[in-house]
Amino acid sequence: MYIEAVPNRDSPPAILLRESYREAGKVKKRTLLNLSDWPHERIAGFKALLKGGTVIPKDQDAITIIRSLPHGHVDAALGTARKIGLDRLLGPDGNRCRDLVLALVVSRILDPGSKLAAARALSPDTATSSLGEQLGLGLVDENELYSALDWLAVRQPAIEAALAKRHLSGGTLVLYDVSSSYLEGRCCPLAQFGYSRDGKHGKRQIVYGLLCARDGCPVAIEVFAGSTADPTTLTRQVTKLKERFALDHVVLVGDRGMITQARITEDIKAAGLDWITALRAPAIKALLDGGALQMSLFDDRDMAGITSPEFPGERLIVCRNRALAAERARKREDLLAATERDLARIATAVARKRQPLRGKAKIGLEIGAVLGKHKMAKHFTLEITDTRFSFARKTDEITVEAALDGLYVVRTSLPAAALDDTATVRSYKSLSLVERAFRCIKTVDLQIRPVYHWLADRVRAHVFLCMLAYYLEWHMRQRLAPMLYDDTDKDAAEAQRSSIVAKAERSPAAVISKPPAEPRTASQSTASEPFSTISPPSPETPW
């Protein structure tokens, strides 16, 4: 049988279902059915059926989706990892531990979670993306992931040395800063009480120091016990830079609480390194009192280079940010006024005739609560007896502190010929790149916490894994900068600033392409949203 279209003069052709047969050795045909009234889609389907084809339902009924795994975000992250050579950096091809670690690094960007959650997300039956399939992992057990962490801990020195060779060279700037994260449980020997940056004062913690290249690219990270003071972590970094990384000349950039005078004398100078750091407030006050620093320097500028016999062989670049000075003065006055208001309320309670507040101890408790809230105790003189209470501002001390508003002093051992004043201040401000790395690792993107590991080496490997994930994210941010509304025209942005001390400005191109004010969908990303928002929705969420 077949379908034939027969011309019909000026009318539409007749669509006939016909059959061929033989009679007396001759081929003849007969009409079985007139299909002229059928729609074209039905005729086309019937024609395909007569040719041995299979007719399927139209529209969405034609295909039944048994399972669909998100793949786009996997391809972006895993493709970038392979393009930058992260897989080869971790280990040789064909090594299952290498593939598992690479999967953990990519998973930390796509959907950070526990090792058990990662094992389920990678296994074929419970996969939440195509990552496990792309790496050919098959069934993944959480114990395998723990073994991969142990393998990574052994490989960490070699991987960091390779990263240093790739991103650091002799004479380069190296940024260093320290942060901390709390741990769950009490069994890890690294978990100790210390200054908690997370505000978790009742939990043990670990401290870790991050080394970055001058552009903010992470190179190495080291974990210390939670009670370790920030400056004492510097000795190990100096040794690492000189011995393990074999760098000829390094300029170490650290904040004023990290590179102290003791560390400069005992570690940095002894290793032949240069440094860029800043002075603390007491040292700035000493310069002001000694006459080395004159406020008249800032009559028509906001930055000046000076020297001082207290810092032989060093350059001091004094900066004064007038906007910052005005903001600090406003904030101080607001806190002073709030403290006076609360103290006046206590004085009224002590002086009232009906049920007055009595007793030095009771009055002191009330005053302590106020001073602890506003942190202004150093600016007030208090007189407390059992029946009286009075207070007054320390006007002279407030005036002395106000003179330092907006002032900061950058100190360096580099000569001006090697790095001028503007470049030195810019280098010190580059520490904000390390702060950005900590923010991504700890909170919005990679979520290093909570940490449930008990073994010290696994805690170190977990932190190093998060650093590798940020290394991958850093490279992805460079490639996806237009999507993330990052300011890619740094030169134009710098030209908008009146000086390096002034507030950073956006380039004209960034102003034009700023994110829209309307609410955005979950798969879109803005400069204020986490990096993970560029990922597609979860499998349960329809596109």
Protein backbone atom coordinates (compact mmCIF):
# COMPACT_ATOMS: atom_id res chain seq x y z
CA MET A 1 0.00 0.00 0.00
CA TYR A 2 1.02 3.54 -0.62
CA ILE A 3 -0.37 7.07 -0.70
CA GLU A 4 -0.60 8.90 -3.99
CA ALA A 5 -1.55 12.47 -4.77
CA VAL A 6 -3.62 12.69 -8.00
CA PRO A 7 -3.88 16.10 -9.74
CA ASN A 8 -7.46 17.36 -9.98
CA ARG A 9 -7.37 20.30 -12.43
CA ASP A 10 -8.11 23.54 -10.57
CA SER A 11 -9.10 21.75 -7.36
CA PRO A 12 -6.73 20.48 -4.66
CA PRO A 13 -5.14 17.13 -5.54
CA ALA A 14 -6.90 13.97 -4.40
CA ILE A 15 -5.00 12.04 -1.74
CA LEU A 16 -5.66 8.33 -2.26
CA LEU A 17 -4.61 5.19 -0.44
CA ARG A 18 -3.78 2.66 -3.17
CA GLU A 19 -2.59 -0.89 -3.53
CA SER A 20 -0.55 -2.50 -6.33
CA TYR A 21 -1.31 -6.00 -7.64
CA ARG A 22 -0.61 -8.22 -10.67
CA GLU A 23 -3.23 -9.56 -13.07
CA ALA A 24 -2.32 -11.64 -16.13
CA GLY A 25 1.29 -10.59 -15.78
CA LYS A 26 0.43 -6.89 -15.69
CA VAL A 27 0.89 -4.48 -12.73
CA LYS A 28 -2.34 -2.75 -11.81
CA LYS A 29 -3.49 -0.57 -8.90
CA ARG A 30 -6.72 -0.04 -7.09
CA THR A 31 -7.92 2.68 -4.72
CA LEU A 32 -8.70 1.58 -1.19
CA LEU A 33 -9.51 4.87 0.50
CA ASN A 34 -9.84 8.56 -0.28
CA LEU A 35 -7.76 10.53 2.27
CA SER A 36 -8.34 13.99 0.82
CA ASP A 37 -10.20 15.19 3.94
CA TRP A 38 -7.37 14.20 6.30
CA PRO A 39 -5.10 16.92 7.74
CA HIS A 40 -1.58 17.06 6.39
CA GLU A 41 -0.01 15.97 9.73
CA ARG A 42 -2.10 12.77 9.80
CA ILE A 43 -1.30 11.98 6.16
CA ALA A 44 2.43 12.48 6.83
CA GLY A 45 2.27 10.17 9.85
CA PHE A 46 0.31 7.52 7.93
CA LYS A 47 2.82 7.72 5.08
CA ALA A 48 5.71 7.16 7.54
CA LEU A 49 3.83 4.22 9.04
CA LEU A 50 3.36 2.60 5.63
CA LYS A 51 7.12 2.87 5.06
CA GLY A 52 7.81 0.85 8.24
CA GLY A 53 8.29 3.76 10.63
CA THR A 54 6.90 4.27 14.14
CA VAL A 55 4.41 7.00 14.87
CA ILE A 56 4.95 8.78 18.19
CA PRO A 57 2.63 11.19 20.00
CA LYS A 58 3.14 14.87 19.31
CA ASP A 59 4.40 17.59 21.68
CA GLN A 60 5.51 16.55 25.20
CA ASP A 61 3.79 13.15 25.00
CA ALA A 62 6.36 12.08 22.43
CA ILE A 63 9.21 11.69 24.98
CA THR A 64 9.15 10.43 28.54
CA ILE A 65 11.99 11.82 30.67
CA ILE A 66 13.13 9.06 33.00
CA ARG A 67 15.97 11.11 34.59
CA SER A 68 17.74 14.38 33.84
CA LEU A 69 20.95 15.45 35.62
CA PRO A 70 22.08 19.11 35.62
CA HIS A 71 25.23 19.45 33.57
CA GLY A 72 25.90 23.07 32.60
CA HIS A 73 27.48 24.18 35.88
CA VAL A 74 29.49 20.93 36.01
CA ASP A 75 30.86 21.60 32.53
CA ALA A 76 31.78 25.17 33.48
CA ALA A 77 33.62 24.26 36.69
CA LEU A 78 35.20 20.99 35.54
CA GLY A 79 36.11 22.48 32.17
CA THR A 80 37.86 25.39 33.85
CA ALA A 81 39.71 23.02 36.20
CA ARG A 82 41.05 21.08 33.22
CA LYS A 83 41.85 24.22 31.25
CA ILE A 84 44.00 25.66 34.05
CA GLY A 85 45.65 22.29 34.64
CA LEU A 86 44.29 21.74 38.13
CA ASP A 87 43.70 18.05 37.45
CA ARG A 88 47.32 17.55 36.38
CA LEU A 89 48.46 19.59 39.36
CA LEU A 90 46.69 17.23 41.75
CA GLY A 91 48.16 14.04 40.34
CA PRO A 92 48.55 11.76 37.32
CA ASP A 93 45.70 10.49 35.15
CA GLY A 94 44.18 7.17 36.11
CA ASN A 95 44.58 7.79 39.84
CA ARG A 96 41.22 7.31 41.55
CA CYS A 97 42.23 9.39 44.57
CA ARG A 98 43.12 12.24 42.20
CA ASP A 99 39.70 12.00 40.53
CA LEU A 100 37.92 11.88 43.89
CA VAL A 101 39.78 14.97 45.13
CA LEU A 102 38.97 16.79 41.87
CA ALA A 103 35.32 15.84 42.37
CA LEU A 104 35.42 17.21 45.94
CA VAL A 105 36.97 20.46 44.75
CA VAL A 106 34.32 20.98 42.07
CA SER A 107 31.54 19.88 44.44
CA ARG A 108 32.70 22.47 46.97
CA ILE A 109 31.86 25.14 44.37
CA LEU A 110 28.65 23.61 43.03
CA ASP A 111 27.04 22.48 46.27
CA PRO A 112 29.24 22.56 49.39
CA GLY A 113 28.39 19.91 51.94
CA SER A 114 29.73 17.04 54.02
CA LYS A 115 31.75 14.15 52.65
CA LEU A 116 28.73 11.87 53.09
CA ALA A 117 26.58 14.26 51.07
CA ALA A 118 29.30 14.46 48.41
CA ALA A 119 29.45 10.64 48.19
CA ARG A 120 25.71 10.48 47.61
CA ALA A 121 25.80 13.32 45.07
CA LEU A 122 28.52 11.54 43.06
CA SER A 123 27.13 7.98 43.11
CA PRO A 124 25.04 7.05 40.01
CA ASP A 125 21.85 6.06 41.84
CA THR A 126 21.67 9.23 43.97
CA ALA A 127 23.54 11.70 41.75
CA THR A 128 22.47 15.33 41.83
CA SER A 129 24.55 16.35 38.81
CA SER A 130 26.59 14.81 36.00
CA LEU A 131 29.89 15.32 37.85
CA GLY A 132 30.36 11.69 38.89
CA GLU A 133 29.54 10.49 35.38
CA GLN A 134 31.90 12.98 33.75
CA LEU A 135 34.78 11.76 35.92
CA GLY A 136 33.80 8.10 35.55
CA LEU A 137 33.70 7.54 39.31
CA GLY A 138 30.95 4.96 39.50
CA LEU A 139 29.80 4.07 43.01
CA VAL A 140 31.44 6.34 45.60
CA ASP A 141 31.66 5.53 49.29
CA GLU A 142 32.34 8.14 52.00
CA ASN A 143 35.28 6.07 53.25
CA GLU A 144 36.86 6.48 49.82
CA LEU A 145 36.55 10.24 50.18
CA TYR A 146 38.26 10.11 53.58
CA SER A 147 41.09 8.08 52.00
CA ALA A 148 41.29 10.68 49.22
CA LEU A 149 41.63 13.40 51.89
CA ASP A 150 44.53 11.47 53.45
CA TRP A 151 46.12 11.22 49.99
CA LEU A 152 45.68 14.98 49.49
CA ALA A 153 47.34 15.73 52.85
CA VAL A 154 50.47 13.91 51.67
CA ARG A 155 50.39 15.73 48.32
CA GLN A 156 49.87 19.23 49.78
CA PRO A 157 53.54 20.33 49.90
CA ALA A 158 54.12 19.30 46.28
CA ILE A 159 50.92 20.97 45.08
CA GLU A 160 51.73 24.21 46.90
CA ALA A 161 55.26 24.21 45.47
CA ALA A 162 53.80 23.82 41.97
CA LEU A 163 51.36 26.68 42.58
CA ALA A 164 54.20 28.87 43.87
CA LYS A 165 56.26 28.08 40.77
CA ARG A 166 53.28 29.02 38.60
CA HIS A 167 52.21 32.25 40.37
CA LEU A 168 55.23 33.49 42.33
CA SER A 169 58.66 34.50 41.17
CA GLY A 170 61.67 36.26 42.60
CA GLY A 171 60.99 39.85 43.64
CA THR A 172 57.25 39.33 43.82
CA LEU A 173 54.77 40.58 46.37
CA VAL A 174 53.23 37.93 48.62
CA LEU A 175 50.08 38.72 50.60
CA TYR A 176 49.56 36.98 53.93
CA ASP A 177 46.74 37.06 56.44
CA VAL A 178 45.18 34.83 59.08
CA SER A 179 41.64 33.78 59.94
CA SER A 180 39.97 31.15 62.11
CA SER A 181 37.00 28.78 62.05
CA TYR A 182 35.27 26.90 64.81
CA LEU A 183 35.20 23.09 64.97
CA GLU A 184 32.51 20.71 66.14
CA GLY A 185 33.52 18.37 68.95
CA ARG A 186 36.55 18.26 71.24
CA CYS A 187 38.62 15.35 69.89
CA CYS A 188 40.82 17.10 67.30
CA PRO A 189 44.20 18.07 68.81
CA LEU A 190 44.16 21.29 66.75
CA ALA A 191 40.86 22.39 68.29
CA GLN A 192 41.63 24.86 71.06
CA PHE A 193 40.10 27.99 72.54
CA GLY A 194 41.34 31.30 71.19
CA TYR A 195 40.22 34.64 69.77
CA SER A 196 37.12 33.74 67.75
CA ARG A 197 36.56 35.77 64.60
CA ASP A 198 33.29 33.87 64.13
CA GLY A 199 31.86 35.07 67.44
CA LYS A 200 31.61 31.47 68.71
CA HIS A 201 33.25 32.06 72.09
CA GLY A 202 32.14 28.73 73.56
CA LYS A 203 33.61 26.60 70.75
CA ARG A 204 37.11 25.40 70.03
CA GLN A 205 38.65 26.58 66.80
CA ILE A 206 41.52 26.32 64.35
CA VAL A 207 43.66 29.12 62.91
CA TYR A 208 44.85 29.13 59.31
CA GLY A 209 47.12 31.45 57.36
CA LEU A 210 46.71 32.05 53.62
CA LEU A 211 49.46 33.07 51.20
CA CYS A 212 48.31 34.78 47.99
CA ALA A 213 50.00 36.23 44.94
CA ARG A 214 49.75 39.98 44.40
CA ASP A 215 46.56 39.54 42.33
CA GLY A 216 44.84 37.58 45.11
CA CYS A 217 45.35 34.13 43.63
CA PRO A 218 45.79 31.64 46.53
CA VAL A 219 49.05 29.72 46.64
CA ALA A 220 49.37 28.01 50.03
CA ILE A 221 47.51 27.60 53.30
CA GLU A 222 48.60 26.28 56.68
CA VAL A 223 46.52 25.24 59.70
CA PHE A 224 47.55 25.99 63.28
CA ALA A 225 46.12 25.20 66.70
CA GLY A 226 43.23 27.45 67.71
CA SER A 227 45.20 29.20 70.46
CA THR A 228 48.01 30.33 68.13
CA ALA A 229 48.62 34.09 68.06
CA ASP A 230 48.61 35.68 64.62
CA PRO A 231 52.22 36.94 64.59
CA THR A 232 53.66 33.54 65.58
CA THR A 233 52.28 32.00 62.37
CA LEU A 234 54.61 34.21 60.32
CA THR A 235 57.80 32.27 61.09
CA ARG A 236 56.59 29.17 59.25
CA GLN A 237 55.59 31.25 56.21
CA VAL A 238 59.02 32.87 55.96
CA THR A 239 60.64 29.43 56.05
CA LYS A 240 58.18 28.15 53.44
CA LEU A 241 58.87 31.02 51.05
CA LYS A 242 62.66 30.75 51.31
CA GLU A 243 63.23 27.02 51.60
CA ARG A 244 60.31 25.09 50.11
CA PHE A 245 59.45 27.60 47.36
CA ALA A 246 63.11 28.64 46.85
CA LEU A 247 62.26 32.27 46.07
CA ASP A 248 65.24 34.60 45.75
CA HIS A 249 63.60 37.81 46.87
CA VAL A 250 60.15 38.25 48.35
CA VAL A 251 58.25 41.29 49.58
CA LEU A 252 55.89 40.12 52.32
CA VAL A 253 52.72 42.18 52.80
CA GLY A 254 50.84 41.77 56.07
CA ASP A 255 48.64 43.84 58.35
CA ARG A 256 49.83 45.75 61.42
CA GLY A 257 48.86 42.96 63.80
CA MET A 258 50.75 40.35 61.79
CA ILE A 259 54.13 41.87 60.91
CA THR A 260 55.18 43.20 64.29
CA GLN A 261 58.58 44.62 65.21
CA ALA A 262 59.55 41.34 66.86
CA ARG A 263 58.73 39.34 63.72
CA ILE A 264 60.64 41.82 61.54
CA THR A 265 63.73 41.56 63.73
CA GLU A 266 63.70 37.81 64.36
CA ASP A 267 62.27 36.35 61.13
CA ILE A 268 61.92 38.67 58.16
CA LYS A 269 65.23 40.51 58.32
CA ALA A 270 67.10 37.32 59.16
CA ALA A 271 65.68 35.65 56.04
CA GLY A 272 66.57 38.60 53.80
CA LEU A 273 62.96 39.46 52.96
CA ASP A 274 61.47 42.90 52.48
CA TRP A 275 58.11 43.84 53.95
CA ILE A 276 55.16 46.18 53.71
CA THR A 277 52.96 46.67 56.76
CA ALA A 278 51.44 49.49 58.81
CA LEU A 279 51.95 51.11 62.20
CA ARG A 280 49.60 50.71 65.12
CA ALA A 281 47.89 53.69 66.73
CA PRO A 282 50.40 54.06 69.65
CA ALA A 283 53.30 54.24 67.20
CA ILE A 284 51.47 56.86 65.11
CA LYS A 285 50.80 58.88 68.26
CA ALA A 286 54.50 58.67 69.17
CA LEU A 287 55.42 60.05 65.73
CA LEU A 288 52.96 62.89 66.23
CA ASP A 289 54.23 63.68 69.71
CA GLY A 290 57.88 63.47 68.62
CA GLY A 291 57.41 65.92 65.77
CA ALA A 292 58.29 63.50 62.98
CA LEU A 293 54.70 63.68 61.80
CA GLN A 294 53.28 67.18 61.23
CA MET A 295 49.59 67.66 60.44
CA SER A 296 50.54 70.57 58.19
CA LEU A 297 51.75 67.98 55.69
CA PHE A 298 48.11 67.42 54.74
CA ASP A 299 47.11 70.99 54.06
CA ASP A 300 47.06 70.40 50.30
CA ARG A 301 47.58 66.64 49.93
CA ASP A 302 46.55 63.37 51.54
CA MET A 303 49.81 61.40 51.41
CA ALA A 304 53.40 62.17 52.38
CA GLY A 305 56.61 60.19 52.82
CA ILE A 306 58.63 60.70 56.02
CA THR A 307 61.47 59.06 57.93
CA SER A 308 62.02 58.54 61.63
CA PRO A 309 65.03 57.48 63.72
CA GLU A 310 62.68 55.02 65.43
CA PHE A 311 62.50 53.09 62.13
CA PRO A 312 66.01 53.16 60.64
CA GLY A 313 66.35 52.07 57.05
CA GLU A 314 62.58 52.21 56.48
CA ARG A 315 60.21 54.48 54.62
CA LEU A 316 57.01 55.68 56.25
CA ILE A 317 54.13 56.76 54.01
CA VAL A 318 51.60 58.75 56.02
CA CYS A 319 48.06 58.87 54.59
CA ARG A 320 45.06 60.91 55.71
CA ASN A 321 41.63 59.99 54.45
CA ARG A 322 39.38 62.98 55.13
CA ALA A 323 36.16 61.04 54.48
CA LEU A 324 37.25 58.36 56.94
CA ALA A 325 38.21 61.04 59.49
CA ALA A 326 34.77 62.63 59.25
CA GLU A 327 33.04 59.26 59.62
CA ARG A 328 35.08 58.31 62.69
CA ALA A 329 34.42 61.69 64.29
CA ARG A 330 30.69 61.27 63.68
CA LYS A 331 30.66 57.75 65.07
CA ARG A 332 32.66 58.73 68.16
CA GLU A 333 30.32 61.63 68.92
CA ASP A 334 27.27 59.38 68.53
CA LEU A 335 28.75 56.81 70.92
CA LEU A 336 29.73 59.49 73.42
CA ALA A 337 26.23 60.98 73.32
CA ALA A 338 24.62 57.56 73.76
CA THR A 339 26.93 56.78 76.69
CA GLU A 340 26.16 60.13 78.35
CA ARG A 341 22.45 59.54 77.91
CA ASP A 342 22.61 56.13 79.62
CA LEU A 343 24.93 57.35 82.37
CA ALA A 344 22.62 60.30 83.03
CA ARG A 345 19.77 57.84 83.50
CA ILE A 346 21.82 56.02 86.18
CA ALA A 347 22.76 59.33 87.85
CA THR A 348 19.06 60.23 87.99
CA ALA A 349 18.28 56.86 89.60
CA VAL A 350 20.95 57.46 92.25
CA ALA A 351 19.80 61.02 93.02
CA ARG A 352 16.03 60.41 93.16
CA LYS A 353 14.35 60.56 96.57
CA ARG A 354 12.00 57.60 96.17
CA GLN A 355 13.69 54.20 96.04
CA PRO A 356 17.09 55.53 94.94
CA LEU A 357 19.82 53.28 93.61
CA ARG A 358 22.27 52.75 96.48
CA GLY A 359 25.53 50.93 97.01
CA LYS A 360 28.81 51.17 95.16
CA ALA A 361 28.50 47.63 93.82
CA LYS A 362 24.98 48.04 92.43
CA ILE A 363 25.81 51.39 90.85
CA GLY A 364 28.99 49.93 89.39
CA LEU A 365 27.10 47.02 87.80
CA GLU A 366 24.73 49.42 86.05
CA ILE A 367 27.60 51.58 84.84
CA GLY A 368 29.57 48.55 83.66
CA ALA A 369 26.67 47.42 81.50
CA VAL A 370 26.53 50.82 79.79
CA LEU A 371 30.28 51.09 79.23
CA GLY A 372 30.43 47.51 77.95
CA LYS A 373 27.71 48.28 75.44
CA HIS A 374 29.20 51.45 73.94
CA LYS A 375 32.94 50.79 74.56
CA MET A 376 33.56 54.39 75.65
CA ALA A 377 35.01 53.85 79.16
CA LYS A 378 38.37 55.41 78.25
CA HIS A 379 36.70 58.72 77.42
CA PHE A 380 34.90 59.28 80.76
CA THR A 381 35.89 60.12 84.31
CA LEU A 382 33.64 58.40 86.85
CA GLU A 383 33.10 59.19 90.55
CA ILE A 384 31.14 56.54 92.44
CA THR A 385 30.21 56.39 96.12
CA ASP A 386 27.45 54.57 97.95
CA THR A 387 25.10 57.54 97.54
CA ARG A 388 26.51 59.59 94.65
CA PHE A 389 27.49 59.15 91.03
CA SER A 390 28.89 61.72 88.63
CA PHE A 391 30.70 61.55 85.28
CA ALA A 392 32.43 63.83 82.81
CA ARG A 393 34.11 63.56 79.43
CA LYS A 394 37.91 63.41 79.23
CA THR A 395 38.12 66.26 76.76
CA ASP A 396 41.91 66.23 76.36
CA GLU A 397 42.07 62.50 75.62
CA ILE A 398 39.22 62.81 73.13
CA THR A 399 41.02 65.64 71.36
CA VAL A 400 44.24 63.60 71.15
CA GLU A 401 42.40 60.63 69.67
CA ALA A 402 40.50 62.84 67.22
CA ALA A 403 43.82 64.13 65.89
CA LEU A 404 44.55 60.60 64.60
CA ASP A 405 41.22 60.22 62.80
CA GLY A 406 41.71 59.12 59.20
CA LEU A 407 45.46 58.68 59.66
CA TYR A 408 47.35 55.50 58.83
CA VAL A 409 51.05 54.95 58.23
CA VAL A 410 52.40 52.32 55.86
CA ARG A 411 55.96 51.20 56.60
CA THR A 412 58.26 49.37 54.20
CA SER A 413 61.89 48.37 53.83
CA LEU A 414 61.80 48.87 50.05
CA PRO A 415 63.57 51.92 48.61
CA ALA A 416 61.50 54.42 46.64
CA ALA A 417 63.35 53.43 43.46
CA ALA A 418 61.96 49.91 43.76
CA LEU A 419 58.40 50.89 44.77
CA ASP A 420 57.16 54.48 45.01
CA ASP A 421 54.79 55.78 47.67
CA THR A 422 51.61 55.26 45.65
CA ALA A 423 52.53 51.69 44.67
CA THR A 424 53.46 50.90 48.28
CA VAL A 425 50.09 52.04 49.62
CA ARG A 426 48.33 50.17 46.81
CA SER A 427 50.24 47.02 47.70
CA TYR A 428 49.21 47.29 51.34
CA LYS A 429 45.59 47.79 50.35
CA SER A 430 45.85 44.59 48.27
CA LEU A 431 45.38 42.70 51.54
CA SER A 432 41.66 43.18 50.87
CA LEU A 433 42.05 40.42 48.27
CA VAL A 434 43.00 37.98 51.03
CA GLU A 435 40.01 39.14 53.05
CA ARG A 436 37.83 38.43 50.03
CA ALA A 437 39.31 34.94 49.83
CA PHE A 438 38.47 34.31 53.49
CA ARG A 439 34.94 35.56 52.94
CA CYS A 440 34.42 33.16 50.03
CA ILE A 441 36.02 30.21 51.84
CA LYS A 442 34.18 30.72 55.12
CA THR A 443 30.72 31.95 54.21
CA VAL A 444 29.02 32.80 50.94
CA ASP A 445 30.54 30.31 48.49
CA LEU A 446 32.63 27.42 49.80
CA GLN A 447 31.43 27.15 53.40
CA ILE A 448 34.41 25.59 55.15
CA ARG A 449 32.24 25.25 58.27
CA PRO A 450 31.05 23.18 60.03
CA VAL A 451 34.15 20.99 60.45
CA TYR A 452 33.46 17.58 61.96
CA HIS A 453 36.83 15.88 61.32
CA TRP A 454 38.69 14.58 64.36
CA LEU A 455 42.12 13.79 62.88
CA ALA A 456 44.51 16.73 62.57
CA ASP A 457 45.71 15.72 59.10
CA ARG A 458 42.16 15.47 57.80
CA VAL A 459 41.34 18.91 59.17
CA ARG A 460 44.40 20.25 57.34
CA ALA A 461 43.37 18.41 54.17
CA HIS A 462 39.82 19.78 54.43
CA VAL A 463 41.10 23.35 54.72
CA PHE A 464 43.51 22.78 51.82
CA LEU A 465 40.63 21.36 49.76
CA CYS A 466 38.66 24.56 50.37
CA MET A 467 41.68 26.60 49.28
CA LEU A 468 41.91 24.60 46.04
CA ALA A 469 38.19 25.22 45.49
CA TYR A 470 38.81 28.95 45.89
CA TYR A 471 41.75 28.66 43.48
CA LEU A 472 39.32 27.25 40.90
CA GLU A 473 36.70 29.86 41.73
CA TRP A 474 39.28 32.64 41.39
CA HIS A 475 40.08 31.51 37.84
CA MET A 476 36.39 31.16 36.99
CA ARG A 477 35.77 34.69 38.23
CA GLN A 478 38.44 35.99 35.87
CA ARG A 479 36.72 34.31 32.93
CA LEU A 480 33.16 35.14 33.97
CA ALA A 481 33.81 38.72 35.07
CA PRO A 482 31.20 40.30 32.70
CA MET A 483 28.51 37.91 33.98
CA LEU A 484 29.38 38.73 37.58
CA TYR A 485 29.36 42.49 36.98
CA ASP A 486 33.00 42.77 38.05
CA ASP A 487 34.90 45.90 37.06
CA THR A 488 37.33 44.60 34.45
CA ASP A 489 38.67 47.99 33.33
CA LYS A 490 41.02 48.58 36.28
CA ASP A 491 43.03 51.30 34.55
CA ALA A 492 39.93 53.39 33.85
CA ALA A 493 38.71 52.89 37.41
CA GLU A 494 42.08 54.01 38.77
CA ALA A 495 41.97 57.10 36.60
CA GLN A 496 38.70 58.10 38.30
CA ARG A 497 40.42 58.38 41.71
CA SER A 498 42.03 61.59 42.83
CA SER A 499 44.68 59.60 44.74
CA ILE A 500 45.37 56.13 46.10
CA VAL A 501 44.11 57.31 49.51
CA ALA A 502 40.72 58.37 48.15
CA LYS A 503 37.75 56.06 47.85
CA ALA A 504 37.96 53.56 45.00
CA GLU A 505 35.76 54.39 42.03
CA ARG A 506 34.15 52.23 39.37
CA SER A 507 35.12 52.59 35.74
CA PRO A 508 32.60 54.16 33.32
CA ALA A 509 32.04 50.75 31.72
CA ALA A 510 31.14 49.21 35.08
CA VAL A 511 28.71 52.03 35.85
CA ILE A 512 26.93 51.47 32.53
CA SER A 513 26.71 47.68 33.02
CA LYS A 514 25.67 47.74 36.68
CA PRO A 515 23.07 45.14 37.72
CA PRO A 516 19.40 46.05 37.30
CA ALA A 517 17.44 47.15 40.34
CA GLU A 518 14.58 44.69 39.70
CA PRO A 519 14.56 41.33 41.50
CA ARG A 520 16.52 38.70 39.58
CA THR A 521 15.87 35.02 39.02
CA ALA A 522 17.74 32.34 40.97
CA SER A 523 19.99 31.47 38.05
CA GLN A 524 21.20 35.05 37.57
CA SER A 525 24.08 36.60 39.47
CA THR A 526 24.86 40.09 40.67
CA ALA A 527 27.93 41.58 42.26
CA SER A 528 26.37 41.27 45.71
CA GLU A 529 25.24 37.65 45.33
CA PRO A 530 27.28 34.50 46.02
CA PHE A 531 29.28 33.01 43.16
CA SER A 532 27.15 29.84 43.34
CA THR A 533 24.11 31.70 42.00
CA ILE A 534 25.40 31.24 38.46
CA SER A 535 24.69 27.51 38.87
CA PRO A 536 21.46 26.09 37.42
CA PRO A 537 18.52 25.22 39.65
CA SER A 538 18.40 21.94 41.55
CA PRO A 539 17.05 18.83 39.75
CA GLU A 540 13.68 19.26 41.45
CA THR A 541 13.35 22.83 40.17
CA PRO A 542 11.87 23.16 36.65
CA TRP A 543 13.77 25.27 34.15
